[in-house]
Amino acid sequence: AVQRGYSTSQVFLALTRRFPLVGRYPEIVDALRELERYEIACQGDDHADREFQRCNSEALEYARAAAVVCGLEWSLGEEIGRSGRAGAVALLEKEPYIGKFRAGQIVDLFQTGTCAGLTAFR
């Protein structure tokens, strides 16, 4: 069974892709990890999420996104240059665990070094 919200191709990528501890875009990974820590520190358990009440699902999503960014097999900068922000967001959405909102954050982090969520937490 495929987890709700993920396609079979995303599950296949998640199972076959390497997620190195150190990889591409360390600044983006560091920012996503910082967002993960803020989620844990500020919200603790995510009781509003009925599926994952014992853990903070937002923190988990940031950790997953950081792993995916480490393992990207294509250049974010080249994709932005070729097809703009919308194209990069669309391509990121094809990666496992990355939805439209998180993809937008990743592009913001690449282009500016920050995103609205990180600014708000800081």
Foldseek 3Di string as FASTA:
>chain_A
DDPPPDDPLQVVCVVPFDQDPAAPDVLLLVLLQVLLVLCCVVPNADCVDPVGRNGRVSSVLSNVVSSQNRGDPDDLVVQCVVPNLVRQLVVQCSHHSRHSVNSSQSNCCVVPVGDPSSVVSD
